[in-house]
Amino acid sequence: MTGAVRGGRLPQPERRSRVDAAKRIRRDGDRPMTQLFRLPGAIRNDPAVDAWFAAGGSALRRFAEPWFERMRGCGGDVRERLHDGRPTACAGDAAFAYVDAFSAHVNVGFFHGAALDDPTGLLEGSGKRMRRVKLRPDRPVDAAALNDLIAAAYRDIAERLADQR
């Protein structure tokens, strides 16, 4: 029999997932490029964000507000809007961080938090990209470390935006 192969099977090409292929093709330095989360319509000082902080007399929303103010102060290109009911900070229209208030805690979240250095171990979460810092009003906050994370998240999104140009 001609064309027969040992074991009766033809050799199969190496299989690779589409994710592996995308990482090989779209690399920038040491970090795989990722699609940015865009929020068209983000503006400076969105009245809906201010209304969120003022609504309902929630002490936890007021507890979150200084952290959002730090996000607003990261750069001249910072814009904001409510996304899924939570204040979200963007560099231009690319989201980099958010705050949210729950019944007993506040989250300060980062859209590319998995890529951030976190020497103090504040970040929580196991997703592919996002991480959060959970704050409780009855526990001390490592303000310096959280400020560093917010600044790092802004720098990270600015670098990602520059990489796409």
Protein backbone atom coordinates (compact mmCIF):
# COMPACT_ATOMS: atom_id res chain seq x y z
CA MET A 1 0.00 0.00 0.00
CA THR A 2 1.57 3.29 -1.04
CA GLY A 3 1.32 6.39 1.11
CA ALA A 4 0.72 4.34 4.26
CA VAL A 5 2.16 5.84 7.40
CA ARG A 6 3.27 4.10 10.54
CA GLY A 7 0.24 3.42 12.71
CA GLY A 8 -2.11 4.18 9.80
CA ARG A 9 -2.32 7.91 10.63
CA LEU A 10 -1.04 10.95 8.86
CA PRO A 11 1.02 13.37 10.97
CA GLN A 12 -1.10 16.16 12.42
CA PRO A 13 0.00 19.80 12.42
CA GLU A 14 0.78 21.32 15.81
CA ARG A 15 -2.37 22.83 17.31
CA ARG A 16 -2.26 26.22 18.91
CA SER A 17 -5.08 28.21 20.38
CA ARG A 18 -6.14 31.55 18.92
CA VAL A 19 -5.16 33.20 22.19
CA ASP A 20 -1.61 31.82 21.90
CA ALA A 21 -1.42 33.05 18.32
CA ALA A 22 -2.64 36.52 19.31
CA LYS A 23 -0.03 36.73 22.08
CA ARG A 24 2.73 35.74 19.65
CA ILE A 25 1.67 38.22 16.99
CA ARG A 26 0.65 41.19 19.14
CA ARG A 27 3.41 41.56 21.72
CA ASP A 28 4.82 44.81 22.92
CA GLY A 29 7.88 44.47 25.11
CA ASP A 30 7.16 42.03 27.91
CA ARG A 31 3.41 42.52 28.00
CA PRO A 32 0.91 41.10 25.54
CA MET A 33 -1.14 43.85 23.98
CA THR A 34 -4.75 43.83 25.07
CA GLN A 35 -7.79 45.51 23.70
CA LEU A 36 -8.62 48.65 25.64
CA PHE A 37 -11.99 49.12 27.27
CA ARG A 38 -13.34 52.26 25.62
CA LEU A 39 -16.13 54.43 26.99
CA PRO A 40 -17.15 56.91 24.30
CA GLY A 41 -18.88 59.90 25.79
CA ALA A 42 -16.59 60.19 28.80
CA ILE A 43 -16.25 63.86 29.76
CA ARG A 44 -14.49 66.03 32.30
CA ASN A 45 -16.45 66.36 35.56
CA ASP A 46 -19.51 64.40 34.51
CA PRO A 47 -22.55 65.69 36.46
CA ALA A 48 -23.88 62.11 36.64
CA VAL A 49 -20.76 61.07 38.55
CA ASP A 50 -21.19 63.96 41.00
CA ALA A 51 -24.85 62.97 41.43
CA TRP A 52 -23.78 59.37 42.18
CA PHE A 53 -21.61 60.55 45.07
CA ALA A 54 -24.38 62.79 46.38
CA ALA A 55 -27.22 60.26 46.00
CA GLY A 56 -28.87 58.41 48.80
CA GLY A 57 -26.83 59.84 51.65
CA SER A 58 -24.51 56.85 51.44
CA ALA A 59 -21.55 57.23 53.77
CA LEU A 60 -19.69 54.62 51.72
CA ARG A 61 -20.07 56.65 48.54
CA ARG A 62 -18.56 59.61 50.37
CA PHE A 63 -15.80 57.27 51.61
CA ALA A 64 -15.05 56.39 47.94
CA GLU A 65 -15.09 59.98 46.69
CA PRO A 66 -11.53 61.01 47.68
CA TRP A 67 -10.15 58.04 45.75
CA PHE A 68 -12.08 59.06 42.66
CA GLU A 69 -10.78 62.61 43.10
CA ARG A 70 -7.26 61.17 42.98
CA MET A 71 -8.16 59.48 39.69
CA ARG A 72 -9.49 62.77 38.34
CA GLY A 73 -6.20 64.45 39.26
CA CYS A 74 -3.97 62.00 37.37
CA GLY A 75 -3.70 64.08 34.19
CA GLY A 76 -5.25 66.64 31.91
CA ASP A 77 -6.71 63.94 29.67
CA VAL A 78 -8.73 62.26 32.44
CA ARG A 79 -12.40 61.94 31.60
CA GLU A 80 -15.18 60.16 33.45
CA ARG A 81 -18.62 58.70 33.20
CA LEU A 82 -20.92 56.29 34.93
CA HIS A 83 -20.49 52.80 33.57
CA ASP A 84 -22.67 49.99 34.91
CA GLY A 85 -23.77 52.39 37.63
CA ARG A 86 -20.28 53.17 38.95
CA PRO A 87 -17.99 56.18 38.49
CA THR A 88 -15.28 55.23 35.99
CA ALA A 89 -12.12 57.19 35.19
CA CYS A 90 -10.66 57.19 31.68
CA ALA A 91 -7.61 58.54 29.93
CA GLY A 92 -9.44 60.02 26.96
CA ASP A 93 -12.03 57.30 26.45
CA ALA A 94 -9.90 54.35 27.70
CA ALA A 95 -11.06 53.23 31.15
CA PHE A 96 -8.36 52.72 33.77
CA ALA A 97 -10.11 52.72 37.17
CA TYR A 98 -13.45 52.93 38.97
CA VAL A 99 -14.99 53.11 42.41
CA ASP A 100 -18.09 51.38 43.70
CA ALA A 101 -19.86 51.32 47.05
CA PHE A 102 -21.52 48.24 48.52
CA SER A 103 -23.32 47.69 51.80
CA ALA A 104 -20.17 47.21 53.91
CA HIS A 105 -17.21 48.14 51.69
CA VAL A 106 -15.91 50.19 48.79
CA ASN A 107 -14.04 48.85 45.78
CA VAL A 108 -11.36 50.82 44.00
CA GLY A 109 -10.97 48.84 40.80
CA PHE A 110 -8.42 48.78 38.00
CA PHE A 111 -9.23 47.61 34.47
CA HIS A 112 -5.66 46.39 33.86
CA GLY A 113 -4.88 45.72 37.51
CA ALA A 114 -3.29 42.33 36.84
CA ALA A 115 -0.43 44.19 35.10
CA LEU A 116 0.26 46.52 38.04
CA ASP A 117 3.07 46.08 40.53
CA ASP A 118 1.55 45.67 43.98
CA PRO A 119 4.39 45.38 46.51
CA THR A 120 2.04 45.83 49.50
CA GLY A 121 -0.49 43.22 48.35
CA LEU A 122 -3.56 45.45 48.26
CA LEU A 123 -4.97 44.11 44.99
CA GLU A 124 -7.58 41.35 45.07
CA GLY A 125 -9.05 39.25 42.29
CA SER A 126 -8.03 36.45 40.00
CA GLY A 127 -9.44 37.52 36.65
CA LYS A 128 -7.39 37.86 33.51
CA ARG A 129 -7.12 41.67 33.69
CA MET A 130 -9.12 43.37 36.42
CA ARG A 131 -8.20 43.77 40.08
CA ARG A 132 -9.66 45.73 42.97
CA VAL A 133 -8.76 47.07 46.37
CA LYS A 134 -11.48 46.49 48.93
CA LEU A 135 -11.78 49.27 51.53
CA ARG A 136 -13.78 49.09 54.71
CA PRO A 137 -14.48 52.18 56.80
CA ASP A 138 -13.57 50.37 60.05
CA ARG A 139 -10.09 49.37 58.80
CA PRO A 140 -7.08 51.57 58.10
CA VAL A 141 -6.28 52.36 54.47
CA ASP A 142 -2.71 52.29 53.17
CA ALA A 143 -3.23 55.61 51.43
CA ALA A 144 0.29 55.84 50.02
CA ALA A 145 0.09 52.39 48.44
CA LEU A 146 -3.39 53.02 47.01
CA ASN A 147 -2.27 56.39 45.62
CA ASP A 148 0.66 54.60 43.98
CA LEU A 149 -1.70 52.04 42.41
CA ILE A 150 -3.97 54.76 41.03
CA ALA A 151 -0.99 56.62 39.55
CA ALA A 152 0.42 53.36 38.14
CA ALA A 153 -2.93 52.48 36.54
CA TYR A 154 -3.02 55.87 34.85
CA ARG A 155 0.58 55.51 33.60
CA ASP A 156 -0.21 51.99 32.38
CA ILE A 157 -3.22 53.10 30.33
CA ALA A 158 -1.24 56.05 28.92
CA GLU A 159 1.47 53.61 27.76
CA ARG A 160 -1.14 51.30 26.24
CA LEU A 161 -2.66 54.23 24.36
CA ALA A 162 0.77 55.31 23.10
CA ASP A 163 1.47 51.74 21.94
CA GLN A 164 -1.65 51.85 19.75
CA ARG A 165 -0.57 54.99 17.92
